[in-house]
Amino acid sequence: MKRYLIFIAIISFGACKSPEPRYPVTQKSGSHISESIVKNQELLEKEINQIETIIEADSTKKYKSSQDGFWYTYNKKNTDSSNTETPEFGDIVEFDYSISTLDGKTIYAEGEKATKTYAIDQEQLFSGLRQGVKLMKEGETVTFLFPSYKAYGYYGDKNKIGTNWPIKTKVTLNKISEQEEIENQQ
């Protein structure tokens, strides 16, 4: 019986031992993230240089830099002082657009994509165009120069636009309908 009690006492003390953490055999550093940051900074710098070269070469137009990281110029500006409205959250806009490479090769011609009806900030649209449309007034035509991170980014559009392509987009804003107007018509 003594042996039995000693055996139970030994097992009891051994069972009270706290678990020890298991460490991985190999440890990886965060070097992949650092390399990715450097690579993306170099890509952005290259794209900005391309865009600045295009802007310098086009002396007929005055380009503006947006606070959102893209450049734009007015092809047709709305000078009507009574029409100062730009789209806001929830407004429905209708616009036509074309997309080309920075050197002017057409990717999507105007009309190739149907007139786009878009609810501001409530539907999917690439970030640069989503922000650019908000700068426009009804009847204006604007050309935007987007670095790839403001366009279709790493994935492209899975059709004609490849990985990390900066693009030029010409947009004509046809109509702005306020959300309240649409609700009153229904």
N, C-alpha and C. Protein backbone atom coordinates (compact mmCIF):
# COMPACT_ATOMS: atom_id res chain seq x y z
N MET A 1 0.81 -1.18 0.00
CA MET A 1 0.00 0.00 0.00
C MET A 1 0.87 1.26 0.00
N LYS A 2 2.02 1.20 0.75
CA LYS A 2 2.91 2.34 0.77
C LYS A 2 3.42 2.65 -0.62
N ARG A 3 3.75 1.61 -1.32
CA ARG A 3 4.25 1.81 -2.68
C ARG A 3 3.18 2.48 -3.54
N TYR A 4 1.96 2.08 -3.34
CA TYR A 4 0.86 2.66 -4.11
C TYR A 4 0.71 4.15 -3.80
N LEU A 5 0.79 4.54 -2.54
CA LEU A 5 0.68 5.95 -2.14
C LEU A 5 1.87 6.76 -2.65
N ILE A 6 3.06 6.19 -2.60
CA ILE A 6 4.24 6.89 -3.12
C ILE A 6 4.09 7.09 -4.63
N PHE A 7 3.60 6.10 -5.32
CA PHE A 7 3.39 6.18 -6.77
C PHE A 7 2.39 7.29 -7.10
N ILE A 8 1.30 7.38 -6.37
CA ILE A 8 0.27 8.41 -6.59
C ILE A 8 0.85 9.79 -6.26
N ALA A 9 1.66 9.90 -5.23
CA ALA A 9 2.27 11.18 -4.86
C ALA A 9 3.22 11.66 -5.95
N ILE A 10 4.00 10.76 -6.50
CA ILE A 10 4.94 11.13 -7.57
C ILE A 10 4.17 11.60 -8.81
N ILE A 11 3.13 10.90 -9.17
CA ILE A 11 2.32 11.26 -10.34
C ILE A 11 1.62 12.59 -10.10
N SER A 12 1.14 12.83 -8.90
CA SER A 12 0.46 14.08 -8.57
C SER A 12 1.40 15.26 -8.71
N PHE A 13 2.62 15.14 -8.19
CA PHE A 13 3.57 16.25 -8.31
C PHE A 13 3.99 16.48 -9.76
N GLY A 14 4.11 15.44 -10.51
CA GLY A 14 4.48 15.56 -11.92
C GLY A 14 3.36 16.16 -12.76
N ALA A 15 2.13 15.90 -12.36
CA ALA A 15 0.98 16.42 -13.11
C ALA A 15 0.76 17.90 -12.85
N CYS A 16 1.28 18.44 -11.78
CA CYS A 16 1.09 19.85 -11.44
C CYS A 16 2.06 20.76 -12.18
N LYS A 17 2.90 20.21 -12.94
CA LYS A 17 3.88 21.01 -13.67
C LYS A 17 3.16 21.87 -14.71
N SER A 18 3.53 23.13 -14.79
CA SER A 18 2.87 24.03 -15.76
C SER A 18 3.36 23.71 -17.17
N PRO A 19 2.50 23.96 -18.16
CA PRO A 19 2.91 23.64 -19.54
C PRO A 19 4.03 24.58 -20.01
N GLU A 20 4.92 24.05 -20.79
CA GLU A 20 6.02 24.84 -21.33
C GLU A 20 5.67 25.21 -22.77
N PRO A 21 5.93 26.47 -23.15
CA PRO A 21 5.62 26.88 -24.51
C PRO A 21 6.52 26.17 -25.51
N ARG A 22 5.96 25.91 -26.67
CA ARG A 22 6.73 25.30 -27.75
C ARG A 22 7.18 26.42 -28.68
N TYR A 23 8.43 26.48 -28.94
CA TYR A 23 8.98 27.51 -29.80
C TYR A 23 9.21 26.94 -31.19
N PRO A 24 9.09 27.78 -32.23
CA PRO A 24 9.32 27.28 -33.59
C PRO A 24 10.78 26.90 -33.78
N VAL A 25 10.99 25.96 -34.67
CA VAL A 25 12.34 25.50 -34.95
C VAL A 25 13.13 26.61 -35.64
N THR A 26 12.49 27.30 -36.59
CA THR A 26 13.14 28.42 -37.27
C THR A 26 12.31 29.68 -37.03
N GLN A 27 13.00 30.79 -36.91
CA GLN A 27 12.32 32.06 -36.73
C GLN A 27 12.60 32.93 -37.93
N LYS A 28 11.52 33.57 -38.44
CA LYS A 28 11.67 34.45 -39.60
C LYS A 28 11.63 35.89 -39.13
N SER A 29 12.40 36.70 -39.80
CA SER A 29 12.41 38.12 -39.46
C SER A 29 11.36 38.84 -40.30
N GLY A 30 11.17 40.11 -40.08
CA GLY A 30 10.22 40.91 -40.84
C GLY A 30 10.84 41.48 -42.09
N SER A 31 11.89 40.86 -42.62
CA SER A 31 12.59 41.41 -43.77
C SER A 31 11.72 41.45 -45.02
N HIS A 32 10.77 40.55 -45.16
CA HIS A 32 9.89 40.56 -46.34
C HIS A 32 9.07 41.84 -46.39
N ILE A 33 8.57 42.26 -45.23
CA ILE A 33 7.78 43.49 -45.18
C ILE A 33 8.66 44.68 -45.52
N SER A 34 9.85 44.73 -44.99
CA SER A 34 10.78 45.83 -45.27
C SER A 34 11.11 45.89 -46.76
N GLU A 35 11.35 44.74 -47.36
CA GLU A 35 11.65 44.69 -48.79
C GLU A 35 10.45 45.15 -49.61
N SER A 36 9.25 44.77 -49.20
CA SER A 36 8.04 45.16 -49.89
C SER A 36 7.83 46.68 -49.82
N ILE A 37 8.09 47.27 -48.68
CA ILE A 37 7.96 48.72 -48.52
C ILE A 37 8.91 49.44 -49.46
N VAL A 38 10.16 49.01 -49.48
CA VAL A 38 11.16 49.63 -50.35
C VAL A 38 10.75 49.49 -51.81
N LYS A 39 10.30 48.31 -52.20
CA LYS A 39 9.89 48.06 -53.59
C LYS A 39 8.72 48.96 -53.97
N ASN A 40 7.72 49.10 -53.09
CA ASN A 40 6.56 49.94 -53.39
C ASN A 40 6.92 51.42 -53.43
N GLN A 41 7.85 51.85 -52.59
CA GLN A 41 8.30 53.25 -52.63
C GLN A 41 9.01 53.54 -53.95
N GLU A 42 9.84 52.60 -54.40
CA GLU A 42 10.54 52.77 -55.68
C GLU A 42 9.55 52.81 -56.84
N LEU A 43 8.53 51.94 -56.80
CA LEU A 43 7.51 51.91 -57.84
C LEU A 43 6.75 53.24 -57.88
N LEU A 44 6.35 53.75 -56.73
CA LEU A 44 5.62 55.01 -56.67
C LEU A 44 6.48 56.16 -57.19
N GLU A 45 7.74 56.18 -56.81
CA GLU A 45 8.64 57.24 -57.28
C GLU A 45 8.78 57.20 -58.80
N LYS A 46 8.90 56.02 -59.36
CA LYS A 46 9.00 55.85 -60.82
C LYS A 46 7.73 56.35 -61.50
N GLU A 47 6.56 55.99 -60.96
CA GLU A 47 5.29 56.41 -61.56
C GLU A 47 5.09 57.92 -61.45
N ILE A 48 5.48 58.51 -60.33
CA ILE A 48 5.36 59.96 -60.17
C ILE A 48 6.28 60.67 -61.17
N ASN A 49 7.47 60.14 -61.38
CA ASN A 49 8.38 60.73 -62.38
C ASN A 49 7.77 60.66 -63.78
N GLN A 50 7.12 59.53 -64.12
CA GLN A 50 6.45 59.40 -65.41
C GLN A 50 5.36 60.47 -65.55
N ILE A 51 4.56 60.61 -64.52
CA ILE A 51 3.45 61.57 -64.55
C ILE A 51 3.98 63.00 -64.65
N GLU A 52 5.01 63.33 -63.89
CA GLU A 52 5.58 64.68 -63.95
C GLU A 52 6.18 64.97 -65.31
N THR A 53 6.76 63.97 -65.97
CA THR A 53 7.29 64.14 -67.32
C THR A 53 6.15 64.45 -68.30
N ILE A 54 5.04 63.77 -68.17
CA ILE A 54 3.88 64.02 -69.03
C ILE A 54 3.35 65.43 -68.81
N ILE A 55 3.25 65.83 -67.56
CA ILE A 55 2.75 67.17 -67.22
C ILE A 55 3.67 68.25 -67.80
N GLU A 56 4.98 68.09 -67.66
CA GLU A 56 5.94 69.06 -68.19
C GLU A 56 5.88 69.14 -69.71
N ALA A 57 5.65 68.00 -70.38
CA ALA A 57 5.60 67.96 -71.84
C ALA A 57 4.32 68.56 -72.38
N ASP A 58 3.26 68.59 -71.61
CA ASP A 58 1.96 69.11 -72.07
C ASP A 58 1.79 70.56 -71.61
N SER A 59 2.39 71.47 -72.35
CA SER A 59 2.38 72.88 -71.96
C SER A 59 1.04 73.56 -72.25
N THR A 60 0.14 72.91 -72.97
CA THR A 60 -1.16 73.52 -73.30
C THR A 60 -2.17 73.41 -72.17
N LYS A 61 -1.90 72.56 -71.21
CA LYS A 61 -2.86 72.34 -70.11
C LYS A 61 -2.20 72.62 -68.78
N LYS A 62 -3.03 73.04 -67.83
CA LYS A 62 -2.55 73.28 -66.47
C LYS A 62 -3.07 72.15 -65.58
N TYR A 63 -2.16 71.36 -65.07
CA TYR A 63 -2.53 70.24 -64.20
C TYR A 63 -2.52 70.68 -62.75
N LYS A 64 -3.44 70.12 -61.99
CA LYS A 64 -3.49 70.35 -60.55
C LYS A 64 -3.17 69.04 -59.85
N SER A 65 -2.55 69.17 -58.69
CA SER A 65 -2.28 68.00 -57.87
C SER A 65 -3.37 67.92 -56.81
N SER A 66 -3.99 66.77 -56.67
CA SER A 66 -5.03 66.62 -55.66
C SER A 66 -4.39 66.20 -54.34
N GLN A 67 -5.08 66.44 -53.27
CA GLN A 67 -4.58 66.01 -51.96
C GLN A 67 -4.69 64.50 -51.79
N ASP A 68 -5.39 63.84 -52.73
CA ASP A 68 -5.57 62.39 -52.65
C ASP A 68 -4.52 61.60 -53.42
N GLY A 69 -3.54 62.28 -54.04
CA GLY A 69 -2.43 61.56 -54.66
C GLY A 69 -2.55 61.34 -56.15
N PHE A 70 -3.26 62.18 -56.88
CA PHE A 70 -3.33 62.09 -58.33
C PHE A 70 -3.34 63.49 -58.91
N TRP A 71 -3.23 63.59 -60.25
CA TRP A 71 -3.19 64.87 -60.93
C TRP A 71 -4.36 64.94 -61.90
N TYR A 72 -4.81 66.16 -62.20
CA TYR A 72 -5.93 66.31 -63.12
C TYR A 72 -5.88 67.66 -63.83
N THR A 73 -6.53 67.71 -65.00
CA THR A 73 -6.66 68.94 -65.76
C THR A 73 -8.05 68.98 -66.37
N TYR A 74 -8.57 70.18 -66.51
CA TYR A 74 -9.91 70.34 -67.08
C TYR A 74 -9.80 70.44 -68.60
N ASN A 75 -10.53 69.56 -69.29
CA ASN A 75 -10.66 69.66 -70.75
C ASN A 75 -11.81 70.61 -71.06
N LYS A 76 -12.86 70.53 -70.26
CA LYS A 76 -14.03 71.40 -70.38
C LYS A 76 -14.46 71.73 -68.95
N LYS A 77 -14.36 73.03 -68.61
CA LYS A 77 -14.68 73.46 -67.25
C LYS A 77 -16.03 74.15 -67.25
N ASN A 78 -16.82 73.88 -66.24
CA ASN A 78 -18.12 74.51 -66.08
C ASN A 78 -17.89 75.90 -65.48
N THR A 79 -18.14 76.94 -66.27
CA THR A 79 -17.91 78.31 -65.80
C THR A 79 -19.20 78.99 -65.35
N ASP A 80 -20.30 78.26 -65.39
CA ASP A 80 -21.59 78.80 -64.95
C ASP A 80 -21.55 79.02 -63.45
N SER A 81 -21.64 80.29 -63.03
CA SER A 81 -21.52 80.61 -61.60
C SER A 81 -22.72 80.11 -60.79
N SER A 82 -23.83 79.82 -61.45
CA SER A 82 -24.99 79.32 -60.71
C SER A 82 -24.89 77.82 -60.44
N ASN A 83 -24.01 77.14 -61.15
CA ASN A 83 -23.85 75.70 -60.98
C ASN A 83 -22.52 75.43 -60.28
N THR A 84 -22.55 75.40 -58.97
CA THR A 84 -21.32 75.18 -58.20
C THR A 84 -21.34 73.87 -57.43
N GLU A 85 -22.35 73.04 -57.67
CA GLU A 85 -22.48 71.80 -56.91
C GLU A 85 -21.56 70.70 -57.42
N THR A 86 -20.92 70.06 -56.47
CA THR A 86 -20.16 68.85 -56.76
C THR A 86 -20.86 67.71 -56.03
N PRO A 87 -20.69 66.48 -56.49
CA PRO A 87 -21.39 65.37 -55.84
C PRO A 87 -20.95 65.15 -54.40
N GLU A 88 -21.90 64.75 -53.58
CA GLU A 88 -21.64 64.44 -52.18
C GLU A 88 -22.11 63.02 -51.89
N PHE A 89 -21.81 62.55 -50.71
CA PHE A 89 -22.16 61.19 -50.31
C PHE A 89 -23.63 60.89 -50.62
N GLY A 90 -23.86 59.79 -51.31
CA GLY A 90 -25.21 59.33 -51.61
C GLY A 90 -25.79 59.86 -52.91
N ASP A 91 -25.23 60.95 -53.48
CA ASP A 91 -25.73 61.47 -54.76
C ASP A 91 -25.49 60.43 -55.85
N ILE A 92 -26.34 60.45 -56.85
CA ILE A 92 -26.20 59.55 -57.99
C ILE A 92 -25.62 60.37 -59.14
N VAL A 93 -24.52 59.90 -59.72
CA VAL A 93 -23.91 60.60 -60.85
C VAL A 93 -23.91 59.68 -62.07
N GLU A 94 -24.02 60.30 -63.22
CA GLU A 94 -23.89 59.58 -64.49
C GLU A 94 -22.68 60.17 -65.19
N PHE A 95 -21.77 59.32 -65.64
CA PHE A 95 -20.59 59.81 -66.33
C PHE A 95 -20.12 58.81 -67.37
N ASP A 96 -19.41 59.34 -68.36
CA ASP A 96 -18.74 58.54 -69.38
C ASP A 96 -17.25 58.66 -69.14
N TYR A 97 -16.52 57.62 -69.46
CA TYR A 97 -15.08 57.71 -69.27
C TYR A 97 -14.33 56.79 -70.21
N SER A 98 -13.07 57.15 -70.43
CA SER A 98 -12.17 56.31 -71.20
C SER A 98 -10.89 56.14 -70.38
N ILE A 99 -10.19 55.05 -70.61
CA ILE A 99 -8.96 54.77 -69.88
C ILE A 99 -7.87 54.47 -70.90
N SER A 100 -6.70 55.07 -70.67
CA SER A 100 -5.54 54.79 -71.52
C SER A 100 -4.30 54.68 -70.65
N THR A 101 -3.23 54.20 -71.26
CA THR A 101 -1.95 54.19 -70.55
C THR A 101 -1.44 55.62 -70.48
N LEU A 102 -0.42 55.87 -69.71
CA LEU A 102 0.11 57.23 -69.60
C LEU A 102 0.66 57.74 -70.93
N ASP A 103 1.13 56.83 -71.78
CA ASP A 103 1.64 57.27 -73.08
C ASP A 103 0.55 57.34 -74.15
N GLY A 104 -0.71 57.18 -73.76
CA GLY A 104 -1.82 57.43 -74.66
C GLY A 104 -2.41 56.23 -75.39
N LYS A 105 -1.95 55.03 -75.14
CA LYS A 105 -2.51 53.85 -75.79
C LYS A 105 -3.86 53.52 -75.14
N THR A 106 -4.89 53.43 -75.95
CA THR A 106 -6.24 53.21 -75.45
C THR A 106 -6.39 51.82 -74.84
N ILE A 107 -6.92 51.79 -73.64
CA ILE A 107 -7.25 50.53 -72.98
C ILE A 107 -8.75 50.31 -73.12
N TYR A 108 -9.54 51.28 -72.67
CA TYR A 108 -10.99 51.28 -72.85
C TYR A 108 -11.35 52.61 -73.50
N ALA A 109 -11.92 52.56 -74.70
CA ALA A 109 -12.32 53.78 -75.39
C ALA A 109 -13.61 54.31 -74.77
N GLU A 110 -13.85 55.61 -74.93
CA GLU A 110 -15.09 56.19 -74.43
C GLU A 110 -16.25 55.51 -75.16
N GLY A 111 -17.21 55.09 -74.42
CA GLY A 111 -18.34 54.36 -75.01
C GLY A 111 -18.15 52.85 -74.96
N GLU A 112 -16.89 52.39 -74.84
CA GLU A 112 -16.66 50.95 -74.73
C GLU A 112 -17.25 50.43 -73.43
N LYS A 113 -17.11 51.23 -72.41
CA LYS A 113 -17.80 50.93 -71.16
C LYS A 113 -19.05 51.80 -71.18
N ALA A 114 -20.18 51.25 -70.88
CA ALA A 114 -21.44 52.00 -70.91
C ALA A 114 -21.39 53.17 -69.94
N THR A 115 -22.28 54.13 -70.15
CA THR A 115 -22.38 55.25 -69.22
C THR A 115 -22.54 54.67 -67.82
N LYS A 116 -21.70 55.14 -66.93
CA LYS A 116 -21.67 54.60 -65.57
C LYS A 116 -22.60 55.42 -64.68
N THR A 117 -23.48 54.74 -63.98
CA THR A 117 -24.31 55.37 -62.96
C THR A 117 -23.75 54.90 -61.64
N TYR A 118 -23.43 55.85 -60.78
CA TYR A 118 -22.68 55.53 -59.57
C TYR A 118 -23.23 56.33 -58.39
N ALA A 119 -23.50 55.65 -57.28
CA ALA A 119 -23.89 56.30 -56.03
C ALA A 119 -22.61 56.64 -55.28
N ILE A 120 -22.38 57.91 -55.06
CA ILE A 120 -21.13 58.39 -54.47
C ILE A 120 -20.85 57.69 -53.13
N ASP A 121 -19.68 57.05 -53.07
CA ASP A 121 -19.16 56.37 -51.88
C ASP A 121 -20.03 55.21 -51.39
N GLN A 122 -20.90 54.68 -52.24
CA GLN A 122 -21.74 53.55 -51.82
C GLN A 122 -21.59 52.35 -52.74
N GLU A 123 -20.77 52.46 -53.78
CA GLU A 123 -20.57 51.36 -54.72
C GLU A 123 -19.09 51.20 -55.00
N GLN A 124 -18.73 50.09 -55.63
CA GLN A 124 -17.35 49.81 -55.97
C GLN A 124 -16.92 50.62 -57.19
N LEU A 125 -15.80 51.29 -57.06
CA LEU A 125 -15.17 52.04 -58.14
C LEU A 125 -13.73 52.23 -57.69
N PHE A 126 -12.77 52.19 -58.60
CA PHE A 126 -11.40 52.30 -58.13
C PHE A 126 -11.18 53.65 -57.45
N SER A 127 -10.33 53.68 -56.44
CA SER A 127 -10.26 54.80 -55.50
C SER A 127 -9.98 56.14 -56.15
N GLY A 128 -9.11 56.20 -57.13
CA GLY A 128 -8.80 57.47 -57.77
C GLY A 128 -10.01 58.06 -58.47
N LEU A 129 -10.74 57.25 -59.19
CA LEU A 129 -11.93 57.73 -59.91
C LEU A 129 -13.02 58.12 -58.91
N ARG A 130 -13.16 57.36 -57.86
CA ARG A 130 -14.15 57.67 -56.83
C ARG A 130 -13.89 59.05 -56.24
N GLN A 131 -12.62 59.37 -55.99
CA GLN A 131 -12.26 60.67 -55.42
C GLN A 131 -12.30 61.77 -56.48
N GLY A 132 -11.92 61.42 -57.72
CA GLY A 132 -11.89 62.41 -58.79
C GLY A 132 -13.27 62.91 -59.18
N VAL A 133 -14.25 62.03 -59.22
CA VAL A 133 -15.62 62.43 -59.59
C VAL A 133 -16.16 63.45 -58.61
N LYS A 134 -15.76 63.36 -57.37
CA LYS A 134 -16.23 64.30 -56.34
C LYS A 134 -15.71 65.72 -56.55
N LEU A 135 -14.68 65.89 -57.38
CA LEU A 135 -14.13 67.21 -57.67
C LEU A 135 -14.85 67.90 -58.83
N MET A 136 -15.70 67.16 -59.54
CA MET A 136 -16.28 67.65 -60.78
C MET A 136 -17.67 68.26 -60.58
N LYS A 137 -18.03 69.14 -61.52
CA LYS A 137 -19.38 69.69 -61.59
C LYS A 137 -20.05 69.12 -62.83
N GLU A 138 -21.35 69.19 -62.86
CA GLU A 138 -22.11 68.68 -63.99
C GLU A 138 -21.67 69.37 -65.28
N GLY A 139 -21.44 68.57 -66.33
CA GLY A 139 -21.05 69.10 -67.63
C GLY A 139 -19.55 69.22 -67.85
N GLU A 140 -18.75 68.94 -66.85
CA GLU A 140 -17.30 69.08 -66.99
C GLU A 140 -16.67 67.81 -67.55
N THR A 141 -15.54 68.00 -68.23
CA THR A 141 -14.72 66.89 -68.70
C THR A 141 -13.32 67.10 -68.13
N VAL A 142 -12.82 66.09 -67.45
CA VAL A 142 -11.54 66.18 -66.76
C VAL A 142 -10.68 64.99 -67.14
N THR A 143 -9.39 65.23 -67.31
CA THR A 143 -8.43 64.14 -67.52
C THR A 143 -7.65 63.95 -66.23
N PHE A 144 -7.66 62.73 -65.72
CA PHE A 144 -6.97 62.38 -64.49
C PHE A 144 -5.74 61.52 -64.81
N LEU A 145 -4.66 61.74 -64.08
CA LEU A 145 -3.47 60.90 -64.16
C LEU A 145 -3.33 60.21 -62.82
N PHE A 146 -3.53 58.89 -62.81
CA PHE A 146 -3.52 58.12 -61.57
C PHE A 146 -2.28 57.22 -61.48
N PRO A 147 -1.52 57.30 -60.38
CA PRO A 147 -0.50 56.27 -60.16
C PRO A 147 -1.22 54.94 -59.91
N SER A 148 -0.53 53.85 -60.05
CA SER A 148 -1.19 52.54 -59.99
C SER A 148 -1.93 52.30 -58.68
N TYR A 149 -1.42 52.80 -57.56
CA TYR A 149 -2.10 52.53 -56.29
C TYR A 149 -3.44 53.26 -56.20
N LYS A 150 -3.65 54.29 -57.01
CA LYS A 150 -4.93 54.99 -57.05
C LYS A 150 -5.82 54.44 -58.17
N ALA A 151 -5.25 53.60 -59.02
CA ALA A 151 -6.01 53.00 -60.12
C ALA A 151 -6.40 51.57 -59.72
N TYR A 152 -5.91 50.61 -60.44
CA TYR A 152 -6.30 49.23 -60.19
C TYR A 152 -5.26 48.45 -59.38
N GLY A 153 -4.15 49.10 -59.02
CA GLY A 153 -3.17 48.53 -58.11
C GLY A 153 -2.54 47.23 -58.56
N TYR A 154 -2.24 46.41 -57.59
CA TYR A 154 -1.50 45.16 -57.82
C TYR A 154 -2.28 44.17 -58.68
N TYR A 155 -3.59 44.15 -58.56
CA TYR A 155 -4.38 43.12 -59.24
C TYR A 155 -4.81 43.50 -60.65
N GLY A 156 -4.77 44.78 -61.01
CA GLY A 156 -5.29 45.18 -62.31
C GLY A 156 -6.79 45.01 -62.32
N ASP A 157 -7.39 45.04 -63.51
CA ASP A 157 -8.85 44.85 -63.58
C ASP A 157 -9.20 43.43 -64.00
N LYS A 158 -8.18 42.57 -64.06
CA LYS A 158 -8.33 41.15 -64.44
C LYS A 158 -8.88 41.00 -65.85
N ASN A 159 -8.67 42.03 -66.68
CA ASN A 159 -9.09 41.99 -68.07
C ASN A 159 -8.02 42.64 -68.94
N LYS A 160 -8.08 43.96 -69.09
CA LYS A 160 -7.14 44.66 -69.96
C LYS A 160 -6.06 45.44 -69.22
N ILE A 161 -6.26 45.70 -67.94
CA ILE A 161 -5.30 46.48 -67.16
C ILE A 161 -4.49 45.54 -66.29
N GLY A 162 -3.17 45.61 -66.47
CA GLY A 162 -2.28 44.69 -65.76
C GLY A 162 -1.88 45.18 -64.38
N THR A 163 -0.95 44.45 -63.81
CA THR A 163 -0.44 44.73 -62.47
C THR A 163 0.34 46.04 -62.44
N ASN A 164 0.00 46.90 -61.47
CA ASN A 164 0.71 48.15 -61.22
C ASN A 164 0.83 49.05 -62.45
N TRP A 165 -0.28 49.29 -63.14
CA TRP A 165 -0.29 50.19 -64.29
C TRP A 165 -0.81 51.55 -63.86
N PRO A 166 0.00 52.61 -64.00
CA PRO A 166 -0.55 53.95 -63.84
C PRO A 166 -1.39 54.24 -65.08
N ILE A 167 -2.48 54.98 -64.93
CA ILE A 167 -3.39 55.20 -66.06
C ILE A 167 -3.80 56.66 -66.19
N LYS A 168 -4.28 56.96 -67.39
CA LYS A 168 -4.87 58.26 -67.69
C LYS A 168 -6.35 58.00 -67.96
N THR A 169 -7.21 58.74 -67.28
CA THR A 169 -8.66 58.54 -67.43
C THR A 169 -9.32 59.86 -67.77
N LYS A 170 -10.10 59.87 -68.85
CA LYS A 170 -10.85 61.07 -69.25
C LYS A 170 -12.31 60.83 -68.86
N VAL A 171 -12.86 61.74 -68.04
CA VAL A 171 -14.20 61.57 -67.48
C VAL A 171 -15.07 62.77 -67.86
N THR A 172 -16.28 62.49 -68.32
CA THR A 172 -17.28 63.53 -68.55
C THR A 172 -18.43 63.28 -67.61
N LEU A 173 -18.69 64.23 -66.71
CA LEU A 173 -19.78 64.11 -65.75
C LEU A 173 -21.04 64.67 -66.38
N ASN A 174 -21.98 63.78 -66.69
CA ASN A 174 -23.20 64.16 -67.39
C ASN A 174 -24.28 64.71 -66.47
N LYS A 175 -24.46 64.07 -65.32
CA LYS A 175 -25.59 64.45 -64.48
C LYS A 175 -25.31 64.12 -63.02
N ILE A 176 -25.77 65.02 -62.14
CA ILE A 176 -25.73 64.78 -60.70
C ILE A 176 -27.17 64.82 -60.20
N SER A 177 -27.61 63.76 -59.55
CA SER A 177 -28.94 63.74 -58.95
C SER A 177 -28.76 63.56 -57.45
N GLU A 178 -29.35 64.48 -56.70
CA GLU A 178 -29.24 64.36 -55.25
C GLU A 178 -30.11 63.23 -54.77
N GLN A 179 -29.72 62.59 -53.73
CA GLN A 179 -30.45 61.44 -53.19
C GLN A 179 -31.88 61.83 -52.84
N GLU A 180 -32.09 63.05 -52.31
CA GLU A 180 -33.44 63.49 -51.93
C GLU A 180 -34.34 63.59 -53.16
N GLU A 181 -33.79 64.07 -54.30
CA GLU A 181 -34.60 64.18 -55.53
C GLU A 181 -35.07 62.82 -55.98
N ILE A 182 -34.19 61.84 -55.90
CA ILE A 182 -34.52 60.48 -56.36
C ILE A 182 -35.61 59.89 -55.46
N GLU A 183 -35.47 60.09 -54.14
CA GLU A 183 -36.48 59.56 -53.20
C GLU A 183 -37.84 60.22 -53.41
N ASN A 184 -37.87 61.53 -53.75
CA ASN A 184 -39.14 62.23 -53.97
C ASN A 184 -39.81 61.78 -55.26
N GLN A 185 -39.03 61.33 -56.27
CA GLN A 185 -39.60 60.88 -57.54
C GLN A 185 -40.24 59.50 -57.40
N GLN A 186 -39.83 58.76 -56.41
CA GLN A 186 -40.34 57.38 -56.28
C GLN A 186 -41.62 57.34 -55.55
